[in-house]
Amino acid sequence: MSSVLGAEGSCVKQPESRSFVAVGVEWASRIMTLGFEFALPACGGYALDRWLGTSPWATLGGAILGFTALMIHLFRINREGTGS
């Protein structure tokens, strides 16, 4: 549902103008993005470790970087959902 300000400045909920399929595809896209944001830096770190022989440091760095990106994205989605 989207929000529209009424005459007195109150928030009035409007029905979603998109189809259920469009909303579902949007959420599926967000969830896949979150998964890739977490997994790809860790996989890249693993590949770097194998290439340089520095196991497990690049893998740990990639996992920390991926987790940080995941959390930032989750906070942005939450802020967008609450309208803050």
C-alpha atoms as a PDB file:
ATOM      1  CA  MET A   1       0.000   0.000   0.000  1.00  0.00           C
ATOM      2  CA  SER A   2       1.182   3.499  -0.704  1.00  0.00           C
ATOM      3  CA  SER A   3       0.568   6.538   1.451  1.00  0.00           C
ATOM      4  CA  VAL A   4      -0.995   9.830   0.392  1.00  0.00           C
ATOM      5  CA  LEU A   5      -1.456  12.873   2.595  1.00  0.00           C
ATOM      6  CA  GLY A   6      -5.073  13.856   3.070  1.00  0.00           C
ATOM      7  CA  ALA A   7      -6.520  17.364   3.364  1.00  0.00           C
ATOM      8  CA  GLU A   8      -5.678  17.628   7.074  1.00  0.00           C
ATOM      9  CA  GLY A   9      -2.174  16.220   6.577  1.00  0.00           C
ATOM     10  CA  SER A  10      -3.098  12.747   7.853  1.00  0.00           C
ATOM     11  CA  CYS A  11      -1.708   9.725   6.100  1.00  0.00           C
ATOM     12  CA  VAL A  12      -4.299   7.824   4.041  1.00  0.00           C
ATOM     13  CA  LYS A  13      -3.436   4.300   2.828  1.00  0.00           C
ATOM     14  CA  GLN A  14      -4.044   3.755  -0.865  1.00  0.00           C
ATOM     15  CA  PRO A  15      -4.280   0.284  -2.416  1.00  0.00           C
ATOM     16  CA  GLU A  16      -1.225  -0.972  -4.284  1.00  0.00           C
ATOM     17  CA  SER A  17      -1.507   0.008  -7.962  1.00  0.00           C
ATOM     18  CA  ARG A  18       0.683  -2.878  -9.167  1.00  0.00           C
ATOM     19  CA  SER A  19      -0.313  -6.503  -9.593  1.00  0.00           C
ATOM     20  CA  PHE A  20       0.558  -9.138  -7.003  1.00  0.00           C
ATOM     21  CA  VAL A  21       2.997 -10.680  -9.471  1.00  0.00           C
ATOM     22  CA  ALA A  22       4.894  -7.391  -9.855  1.00  0.00           C
ATOM     23  CA  VAL A  23       5.142  -6.982  -6.087  1.00  0.00           C
ATOM     24  CA  GLY A  24       6.269 -10.607  -5.720  1.00  0.00           C
ATOM     25  CA  VAL A  25       8.942 -10.225  -8.401  1.00  0.00           C
ATOM     26  CA  GLU A  26      10.198  -7.056  -6.689  1.00  0.00           C
ATOM     27  CA  TRP A  27      10.550  -8.875  -3.351  1.00  0.00           C
ATOM     28  CA  ALA A  28      12.174 -11.905  -4.987  1.00  0.00           C
ATOM     29  CA  SER A  29      14.677  -9.550  -6.604  1.00  0.00           C
ATOM     30  CA  ARG A  30      15.432  -7.912  -3.247  1.00  0.00           C
ATOM     31  CA  ILE A  31      15.955 -11.265  -1.538  1.00  0.00           C
ATOM     32  CA  MET A  32      18.268 -12.522  -4.295  1.00  0.00           C
ATOM     33  CA  THR A  33      20.237  -9.266  -4.128  1.00  0.00           C
ATOM     34  CA  LEU A  34      20.686  -9.705  -0.383  1.00  0.00           C
ATOM     35  CA  GLY A  35      21.924 -13.253  -0.878  1.00  0.00           C
ATOM     36  CA  PHE A  36      24.414 -12.246  -3.539  1.00  0.00           C
ATOM     37  CA  GLU A  37      25.614  -9.276  -1.483  1.00  0.00           C
ATOM     38  CA  PHE A  38      26.500 -11.668   1.310  1.00  0.00           C
ATOM     39  CA  ALA A  39      27.844 -14.621  -0.702  1.00  0.00           C
ATOM     40  CA  LEU A  40      29.874 -13.046  -3.521  1.00  0.00           C
ATOM     41  CA  PRO A  41      32.456 -11.175  -1.387  1.00  0.00           C
ATOM     42  CA  ALA A  42      33.077 -14.343   0.660  1.00  0.00           C
ATOM     43  CA  CYS A  43      33.431 -16.423  -2.522  1.00  0.00           C
ATOM     44  CA  GLY A  44      35.780 -13.821  -3.976  1.00  0.00           C
ATOM     45  CA  GLY A  45      37.829 -13.911  -0.777  1.00  0.00           C
ATOM     46  CA  TYR A  46      37.995 -17.697  -0.974  1.00  0.00           C
ATOM     47  CA  ALA A  47      39.213 -17.525  -4.573  1.00  0.00           C
ATOM     48  CA  LEU A  48      41.800 -14.911  -3.578  1.00  0.00           C
ATOM     49  CA  ASP A  49      42.952 -17.124  -0.705  1.00  0.00           C
ATOM     50  CA  ARG A  50      43.394 -20.088  -3.016  1.00  0.00           C
ATOM     51  CA  TRP A  51      45.339 -17.979  -5.494  1.00  0.00           C
ATOM     52  CA  LEU A  52      47.603 -16.290  -2.911  1.00  0.00           C
ATOM     53  CA  GLY A  53      47.727 -19.115  -0.357  1.00  0.00           C
ATOM     54  CA  THR A  54      46.663 -16.814   2.485  1.00  0.00           C
ATOM     55  CA  SER A  55      43.791 -18.917   3.828  1.00  0.00           C
ATOM     56  CA  PRO A  56      41.519 -17.936   5.655  1.00  0.00           C
ATOM     57  CA  TRP A  57      42.170 -14.174   5.785  1.00  0.00           C
ATOM     58  CA  ALA A  58      40.663 -13.004   2.484  1.00  0.00           C
ATOM     59  CA  THR A  59      37.681 -15.307   3.032  1.00  0.00           C
ATOM     60  CA  LEU A  60      37.074 -13.759   6.454  1.00  0.00           C
ATOM     61  CA  GLY A  61      37.509 -10.266   5.037  1.00  0.00           C
ATOM     62  CA  GLY A  62      35.059 -11.026   2.244  1.00  0.00           C
ATOM     63  CA  ALA A  63      32.538 -12.483   4.689  1.00  0.00           C
ATOM     64  CA  ILE A  64      32.786  -9.394   6.916  1.00  0.00           C
ATOM     65  CA  LEU A  65      32.436  -7.120   3.891  1.00  0.00           C
ATOM     66  CA  GLY A  66      29.439  -9.113   2.636  1.00  0.00           C
ATOM     67  CA  PHE A  67      27.778  -9.102   6.060  1.00  0.00           C
ATOM     68  CA  THR A  68      28.275  -5.336   6.328  1.00  0.00           C
ATOM     69  CA  ALA A  69      26.751  -4.772   2.874  1.00  0.00           C
ATOM     70  CA  LEU A  70      23.857  -7.072   3.794  1.00  0.00           C
ATOM     71  CA  MET A  71      23.105  -5.168   7.004  1.00  0.00           C
ATOM     72  CA  ILE A  72      23.260  -1.766   5.296  1.00  0.00           C
ATOM     73  CA  HIS A  73      20.861  -2.985   2.617  1.00  0.00           C
ATOM     74  CA  LEU A  74      18.484  -4.441   5.227  1.00  0.00           C
ATOM     75  CA  PHE A  75      18.445  -1.118   7.104  1.00  0.00           C
ATOM     76  CA  ARG A  76      17.655   0.714   3.850  1.00  0.00           C
ATOM     77  CA  ILE A  77      14.790  -1.664   3.059  1.00  0.00           C
ATOM     78  CA  ASN A  78      13.448  -1.223   6.586  1.00  0.00           C
ATOM     79  CA  ARG A  79      13.674   2.577   6.367  1.00  0.00           C
ATOM     80  CA  GLU A  80      11.892   2.500   2.989  1.00  0.00           C
ATOM     81  CA  GLY A  81       9.128   0.301   4.421  1.00  0.00           C
ATOM     82  CA  THR A  82       8.528   2.497   7.459  1.00  0.00           C
ATOM     83  CA  GLY A  83       8.583   5.717   5.436  1.00  0.00           C
ATOM     84  CA  SER A  84      11.199   7.406   7.654  1.00  0.00           C
END
